[in-house]
Amino acid sequence: MVTFPEIPDRLEEAKLKRLTVQRIRQLAETDPDWPVPLDQAPKVGRMRLFDWRVLEPYFRDRKSRQG
């Protein structure tokens, strides 16, 4: 299980493009393809937890969009 602040390091370890925590949060809130709805992600204190085994394929298959 990972939290938003841990995801950038996990992306780098998986040899994927590193994203900022802010961008990852934005994707979680706005991308309909985000695999775990925020209201279904378990919370520990103020931190939401996500299963990296579910998130990694999302980031691997995601098409980057230029803003």
PDB file of N, CA and C in Angstrom:
ATOM      1  N   MET A   1       0.841  -1.165   0.000  1.00  0.00           N
ATOM      2  CA  MET A   1       0.000   0.000   0.000  1.00  0.00           C
ATOM      3  C   MET A   1       0.893   1.238   0.000  1.00  0.00           C
ATOM      4  N   VAL A   2       0.468   2.235  -0.756  1.00  0.00           N
ATOM      5  CA  VAL A   2       1.241   3.468  -0.857  1.00  0.00           C
ATOM      6  C   VAL A   2       0.322   4.665  -0.615  1.00  0.00           C
ATOM      7  N   THR A   3       0.941   5.776  -0.221  1.00  0.00           N
ATOM      8  CA  THR A   3       0.237   7.043  -0.057  1.00  0.00           C
ATOM      9  C   THR A   3       0.632   7.955  -1.213  1.00  0.00           C
ATOM     10  N   PHE A   4      -0.110   9.043  -1.397  1.00  0.00           N
ATOM     11  CA  PHE A   4       0.228   9.971  -2.483  1.00  0.00           C
ATOM     12  C   PHE A   4       1.706  10.385  -2.460  1.00  0.00           C
ATOM     13  N   PRO A   5       2.267  10.776  -1.299  1.00  0.00           N
ATOM     14  CA  PRO A   5       3.679  11.194  -1.305  1.00  0.00           C
ATOM     15  C   PRO A   5       4.669  10.100  -1.700  1.00  0.00           C
ATOM     16  N   GLU A   6       4.290   8.839  -1.575  1.00  0.00           N
ATOM     17  CA  GLU A   6       5.202   7.737  -1.922  1.00  0.00           C
ATOM     18  C   GLU A   6       5.149   7.367  -3.404  1.00  0.00           C
ATOM     19  N   ILE A   7       4.102   7.770  -4.094  1.00  0.00           N
ATOM     20  CA  ILE A   7       3.916   7.340  -5.483  1.00  0.00           C
ATOM     21  C   ILE A   7       5.013   7.846  -6.422  1.00  0.00           C
ATOM     22  N   PRO A   8       5.476   9.114  -6.320  1.00  0.00           N
ATOM     23  CA  PRO A   8       6.549   9.533  -7.243  1.00  0.00           C
ATOM     24  C   PRO A   8       7.782   8.636  -7.202  1.00  0.00           C
ATOM     25  N   ASP A   9       8.194   8.229  -6.001  1.00  0.00           N
ATOM     26  CA  ASP A   9       9.361   7.333  -5.887  1.00  0.00           C
ATOM     27  C   ASP A   9       9.066   5.967  -6.500  1.00  0.00           C
ATOM     28  N   ARG A  10       7.864   5.469  -6.294  1.00  0.00           N
ATOM     29  CA  ARG A  10       7.480   4.175  -6.882  1.00  0.00           C
ATOM     30  C   ARG A  10       7.496   4.258  -8.406  1.00  0.00           C
ATOM     31  N   LEU A  11       7.035   5.372  -8.947  1.00  0.00           N
ATOM     32  CA  LEU A  11       7.056   5.537 -10.403  1.00  0.00           C
ATOM     33  C   LEU A  11       8.483   5.468 -10.922  1.00  0.00           C
ATOM     34  N   GLU A  12       9.374   6.159 -10.249  1.00  0.00           N
ATOM     35  CA  GLU A  12      10.773   6.165 -10.660  1.00  0.00           C
ATOM     36  C   GLU A  12      11.383   4.766 -10.560  1.00  0.00           C
ATOM     37  N   GLU A  13      11.089   4.058  -9.487  1.00  0.00           N
ATOM     38  CA  GLU A  13      11.607   2.694  -9.315  1.00  0.00           C
ATOM     39  C   GLU A  13      11.105   1.768 -10.424  1.00  0.00           C
ATOM     40  N   ALA A  14       9.890   2.031 -10.915  1.00  0.00           N
ATOM     41  CA  ALA A  14       9.312   1.213 -11.986  1.00  0.00           C
ATOM     42  C   ALA A  14       9.749   1.696 -13.368  1.00  0.00           C
ATOM     43  N   LYS A  15      10.673   2.676 -13.386  1.00  0.00           N
ATOM     44  CA  LYS A  15      11.195   3.239 -14.640  1.00  0.00           C
ATOM     45  C   LYS A  15      10.089   3.914 -15.454  1.00  0.00           C
ATOM     46  N   LEU A  16       9.162   4.556 -14.716  1.00  0.00           N
ATOM     47  CA  LEU A  16       8.100   5.329 -15.344  1.00  0.00           C
ATOM     48  C   LEU A  16       8.362   6.805 -15.068  1.00  0.00           C
ATOM     49  N   LYS A  17       7.692   7.650 -15.832  1.00  0.00           N
ATOM     50  CA  LYS A  17       7.892   9.092 -15.663  1.00  0.00           C
ATOM     51  C   LYS A  17       7.448   9.522 -14.269  1.00  0.00           C
ATOM     52  N   ARG A  18       8.341  10.243 -13.597  1.00  0.00           N
ATOM     53  CA  ARG A  18       8.030  10.743 -12.252  1.00  0.00           C
ATOM     54  C   ARG A  18       7.052  11.905 -12.370  1.00  0.00           C
ATOM     55  N   LEU A  19       6.004  11.857 -11.588  1.00  0.00           N
ATOM     56  CA  LEU A  19       5.023  12.931 -11.532  1.00  0.00           C
ATOM     57  C   LEU A  19       5.071  13.562 -10.147  1.00  0.00           C
ATOM     58  N   THR A  20       4.629  14.810 -10.053  1.00  0.00           N
ATOM     59  CA  THR A  20       4.563  15.447  -8.746  1.00  0.00           C
ATOM     60  C   THR A  20       3.371  14.899  -7.969  1.00  0.00           C
ATOM     61  N   VAL A  21       3.425  15.040  -6.668  1.00  0.00           N
ATOM     62  CA  VAL A  21       2.311  14.608  -5.826  1.00  0.00           C
ATOM     63  C   VAL A  21       1.052  15.386  -6.222  1.00  0.00           C
ATOM     64  N   GLN A  22       1.209  16.675  -6.530  1.00  0.00           N
ATOM     65  CA  GLN A  22       0.061  17.488  -6.917  1.00  0.00           C
ATOM     66  C   GLN A  22      -0.585  16.950  -8.185  1.00  0.00           C
ATOM     67  N   ARG A  23       0.215  16.545  -9.157  1.00  0.00           N
ATOM     68  CA  ARG A  23      -0.330  16.012 -10.414  1.00  0.00           C
ATOM     69  C   ARG A  23      -1.022  14.672 -10.169  1.00  0.00           C
ATOM     70  N   ILE A  24      -0.451  13.848  -9.309  1.00  0.00           N
ATOM     71  CA  ILE A  24      -1.065  12.555  -9.005  1.00  0.00           C
ATOM     72  C   ILE A  24      -2.417  12.767  -8.331  1.00  0.00           C
ATOM     73  N   ARG A  25      -2.481  13.706  -7.394  1.00  0.00           N
ATOM     74  CA  ARG A  25      -3.762  14.018  -6.742  1.00  0.00           C
ATOM     75  C   ARG A  25      -4.780  14.518  -7.769  1.00  0.00           C
ATOM     76  N   GLN A  26      -4.319  15.354  -8.690  1.00  0.00           N
ATOM     77  CA  GLN A  26      -5.208  15.869  -9.732  1.00  0.00           C
ATOM     78  C   GLN A  26      -5.764  14.724 -10.578  1.00  0.00           C
ATOM     79  N   LEU A  27      -4.916  13.796 -10.955  1.00  0.00           N
ATOM     80  CA  LEU A  27      -5.377  12.639 -11.721  1.00  0.00           C
ATOM     81  C   LEU A  27      -6.397  11.839 -10.925  1.00  0.00           C
ATOM     82  N   ALA A  28      -6.129  11.626  -9.641  1.00  0.00           N
ATOM     83  CA  ALA A  28      -7.037  10.853  -8.793  1.00  0.00           C
ATOM     84  C   ALA A  28      -8.411  11.516  -8.715  1.00  0.00           C
ATOM     85  N   GLU A  29      -8.423  12.836  -8.736  1.00  0.00           N
ATOM     86  CA  GLU A  29      -9.684  13.574  -8.611  1.00  0.00           C
ATOM     87  C   GLU A  29     -10.424  13.738  -9.927  1.00  0.00           C
ATOM     88  N   THR A  30      -9.701  13.764 -11.043  1.00  0.00           N
ATOM     89  CA  THR A  30     -10.342  14.146 -12.311  1.00  0.00           C
ATOM     90  C   THR A  30     -10.323  13.087 -13.400  1.00  0.00           C
ATOM     91  N   ASP A  31      -9.408  12.138 -13.357  1.00  0.00           N
ATOM     92  CA  ASP A  31      -9.300  11.160 -14.437  1.00  0.00           C
ATOM     93  C   ASP A  31     -10.297  10.019 -14.213  1.00  0.00           C
ATOM     94  N   PRO A  32     -11.257   9.853 -15.125  1.00  0.00           N
ATOM     95  CA  PRO A  32     -12.233   8.777 -14.947  1.00  0.00           C
ATOM     96  C   PRO A  32     -11.600   7.377 -14.980  1.00  0.00           C
ATOM     97  N   ASP A  33     -10.391   7.261 -15.501  1.00  0.00           N
ATOM     98  CA  ASP A  33      -9.703   5.968 -15.554  1.00  0.00           C
ATOM     99  C   ASP A  33      -8.921   5.643 -14.283  1.00  0.00           C
ATOM    100  N   TRP A  34      -8.856   6.604 -13.335  1.00  0.00           N
ATOM    101  CA  TRP A  34      -8.143   6.339 -12.077  1.00  0.00           C
ATOM    102  C   TRP A  34      -8.747   5.087 -11.443  1.00  0.00           C
ATOM    103  N   PRO A  35      -7.931   4.098 -11.109  1.00  0.00           N
ATOM    104  CA  PRO A  35      -8.462   2.781 -10.740  1.00  0.00           C
ATOM    105  C   PRO A  35      -9.125   2.665  -9.364  1.00  0.00           C
ATOM    106  N   VAL A  36      -8.868   3.590  -8.457  1.00  0.00           N
ATOM    107  CA  VAL A  36      -9.427   3.484  -7.109  1.00  0.00           C
ATOM    108  C   VAL A  36     -10.145   4.780  -6.765  1.00  0.00           C
ATOM    109  N   PRO A  37     -11.478   4.780  -6.751  1.00  0.00           N
ATOM    110  CA  PRO A  37     -12.187   6.010  -6.378  1.00  0.00           C
ATOM    111  C   PRO A  37     -11.728   6.502  -5.003  1.00  0.00           C
ATOM    112  N   LEU A  38     -11.521   7.812  -4.882  1.00  0.00           N
ATOM    113  CA  LEU A  38     -10.994   8.356  -3.635  1.00  0.00           C
ATOM    114  C   LEU A  38     -11.865   8.009  -2.432  1.00  0.00           C
ATOM    115  N   ASP A  39     -13.166   7.965  -2.626  1.00  0.00           N
ATOM    116  CA  ASP A  39     -14.036   7.663  -1.495  1.00  0.00           C
ATOM    117  C   ASP A  39     -13.986   6.182  -1.091  1.00  0.00           C
ATOM    118  N   GLN A  40     -13.328   5.361  -1.908  1.00  0.00           N
ATOM    119  CA  GLN A  40     -13.189   3.938  -1.584  1.00  0.00           C
ATOM    120  C   GLN A  40     -11.782   3.581  -1.099  1.00  0.00           C
ATOM    121  N   ALA A  41     -10.852   4.534  -1.185  1.00  0.00           N
ATOM    122  CA  ALA A  41      -9.483   4.290  -0.717  1.00  0.00           C
ATOM    123  C   ALA A  41      -9.463   4.352   0.807  1.00  0.00           C
ATOM    124  N   PRO A  42      -8.891   3.343   1.457  1.00  0.00           N
ATOM    125  CA  PRO A  42      -8.837   3.369   2.924  1.00  0.00           C
ATOM    126  C   PRO A  42      -8.028   4.567   3.419  1.00  0.00           C
ATOM    127  N   LYS A  43      -8.421   5.082   4.566  1.00  0.00           N
ATOM    128  CA  LYS A  43      -7.713   6.205   5.179  1.00  0.00           C
ATOM    129  C   LYS A  43      -7.076   5.765   6.484  1.00  0.00           C
ATOM    130  N   VAL A  44      -5.861   6.250   6.699  1.00  0.00           N
ATOM    131  CA  VAL A  44      -5.181   6.086   7.974  1.00  0.00           C
ATOM    132  C   VAL A  44      -4.809   7.501   8.403  1.00  0.00           C
ATOM    133  N   GLY A  45      -5.485   7.988   9.414  1.00  0.00           N
ATOM    134  CA  GLY A  45      -5.309   9.389   9.783  1.00  0.00           C
ATOM    135  C   GLY A  45      -5.816  10.244   8.632  1.00  0.00           C
ATOM    136  N   ARG A  46      -4.967  11.108   8.123  1.00  0.00           N
ATOM    137  CA  ARG A  46      -5.342  11.952   6.992  1.00  0.00           C
ATOM    138  C   ARG A  46      -4.846  11.408   5.653  1.00  0.00           C
ATOM    139  N   MET A  47      -4.168  10.277   5.678  1.00  0.00           N
ATOM    140  CA  MET A  47      -3.560   9.721   4.466  1.00  0.00           C
ATOM    141  C   MET A  47      -4.461   8.670   3.840  1.00  0.00           C
ATOM    142  N   ARG A  48      -4.583   8.730   2.522  1.00  0.00           N
ATOM    143  CA  ARG A  48      -5.298   7.693   1.777  1.00  0.00           C
ATOM    144  C   ARG A  48      -4.281   6.646   1.334  1.00  0.00           C
ATOM    145  N   LEU A  49      -4.696   5.391   1.350  1.00  0.00           N
ATOM    146  CA  LEU A  49      -3.817   4.290   0.952  1.00  0.00           C
ATOM    147  C   LEU A  49      -4.301   3.692  -0.361  1.00  0.00           C
ATOM    148  N   PHE A  50      -3.336   3.355  -1.218  1.00  0.00           N
ATOM    149  CA  PHE A  50      -3.640   2.763  -2.518  1.00  0.00           C
ATOM    150  C   PHE A  50      -2.770   1.535  -2.718  1.00  0.00           C
ATOM    151  N   ASP A  51      -3.341   0.534  -3.341  1.00  0.00           N
ATOM    152  CA  ASP A  51      -2.601  -0.685  -3.655  1.00  0.00           C
ATOM    153  C   ASP A  51      -1.741  -0.400  -4.891  1.00  0.00           C
ATOM    154  N   TRP A  52      -0.420  -0.449  -4.715  1.00  0.00           N
ATOM    155  CA  TRP A  52       0.483  -0.153  -5.828  1.00  0.00           C
ATOM    156  C   TRP A  52       0.275  -1.135  -6.985  1.00  0.00           C
ATOM    157  N   ARG A  53      -0.104  -2.376  -6.691  1.00  0.00           N
ATOM    158  CA  ARG A  53      -0.314  -3.372  -7.759  1.00  0.00           C
ATOM    159  C   ARG A  53      -1.470  -2.964  -8.673  1.00  0.00           C
ATOM    160  N   VAL A  54      -2.367  -2.133  -8.177  1.00  0.00           N
ATOM    161  CA  VAL A  54      -3.479  -1.622  -8.985  1.00  0.00           C
ATOM    162  C   VAL A  54      -3.069  -0.336  -9.701  1.00  0.00           C
ATOM    163  N   LEU A  55      -2.299   0.516  -9.016  1.00  0.00           N
ATOM    164  CA  LEU A  55      -1.914   1.805  -9.606  1.00  0.00           C
ATOM    165  C   LEU A  55      -0.847   1.670 -10.686  1.00  0.00           C
ATOM    166  N   GLU A  56       0.091   0.764 -10.490  1.00  0.00           N
ATOM    167  CA  GLU A  56       1.214   0.658 -11.441  1.00  0.00           C
ATOM    168  C   GLU A  56       0.744   0.427 -12.877  1.00  0.00           C
ATOM    169  N   PRO A  57      -0.179  -0.492 -13.136  1.00  0.00           N
ATOM    170  CA  PRO A  57      -0.638  -0.660 -14.523  1.00  0.00           C
ATOM    171  C   PRO A  57      -1.333   0.598 -15.066  1.00  0.00           C
ATOM    172  N   TYR A  58      -2.029   1.321 -14.194  1.00  0.00           N
ATOM    173  CA  TYR A  58      -2.668   2.574 -14.626  1.00  0.00           C
ATOM    174  C   TYR A  58      -1.610   3.544 -15.150  1.00  0.00           C
ATOM    175  N   PHE A  59      -0.532   3.734 -14.381  1.00  0.00           N
ATOM    176  CA  PHE A  59       0.515   4.666 -14.811  1.00  0.00           C
ATOM    177  C   PHE A  59       1.272   4.130 -16.019  1.00  0.00           C
ATOM    178  N   ARG A  60       1.482   2.833 -16.085  1.00  0.00           N
ATOM    179  CA  ARG A  60       2.207   2.237 -17.215  1.00  0.00           C
ATOM    180  C   ARG A  60       1.425   2.416 -18.522  1.00  0.00           C
ATOM    181  N   ASP A  61       0.114   2.274 -18.467  1.00  0.00           N
ATOM    182  CA  ASP A  61      -0.719   2.348 -19.677  1.00  0.00           C
ATOM    183  C   ASP A  61      -1.257   3.735 -19.984  1.00  0.00           C
ATOM    184  N   ARG A  62      -1.074   4.667 -19.068  1.00  0.00           N
ATOM    185  CA  ARG A  62      -1.640   6.006 -19.205  1.00  0.00           C
ATOM    186  C   ARG A  62      -0.959   6.773 -20.341  1.00  0.00           C
ATOM    187  N   LYS A  63      -1.767   7.440 -21.140  1.00  0.00           N
ATOM    188  CA  LYS A  63      -1.236   8.293 -22.202  1.00  0.00           C
ATOM    189  C   LYS A  63      -1.069   9.692 -21.635  1.00  0.00           C
ATOM    190  N   SER A  64       0.145  10.215 -21.688  1.00  0.00           N
ATOM    191  CA  SER A  64       0.420  11.545 -21.182  1.00  0.00           C
ATOM    192  C   SER A  64      -0.260  12.584 -22.067  1.00  0.00           C
ATOM    193  N   ARG A  65      -0.861  13.579 -21.406  1.00  0.00           N
ATOM    194  CA  ARG A  65      -1.496  14.666 -22.163  1.00  0.00           C
ATOM    195  C   ARG A  65      -0.781  15.968 -21.855  1.00  0.00           C
ATOM    196  N   GLN A  66      -0.376  16.665 -22.885  1.00  0.00           N
ATOM    197  CA  GLN A  66       0.268  17.966 -22.693  1.00  0.00           C
ATOM    198  C   GLN A  66      -0.791  19.002 -22.390  1.00  0.00           C
ATOM    199  N   GLY A  67      -0.497  19.896 -21.444  1.00  0.00           N
ATOM    200  CA  GLY A  67      -1.460  20.912 -21.036  1.00  0.00           C
ATOM    201  C   GLY A  67      -1.453  22.111 -21.832  1.00  0.00           C
TER     202      GLY A  67
END
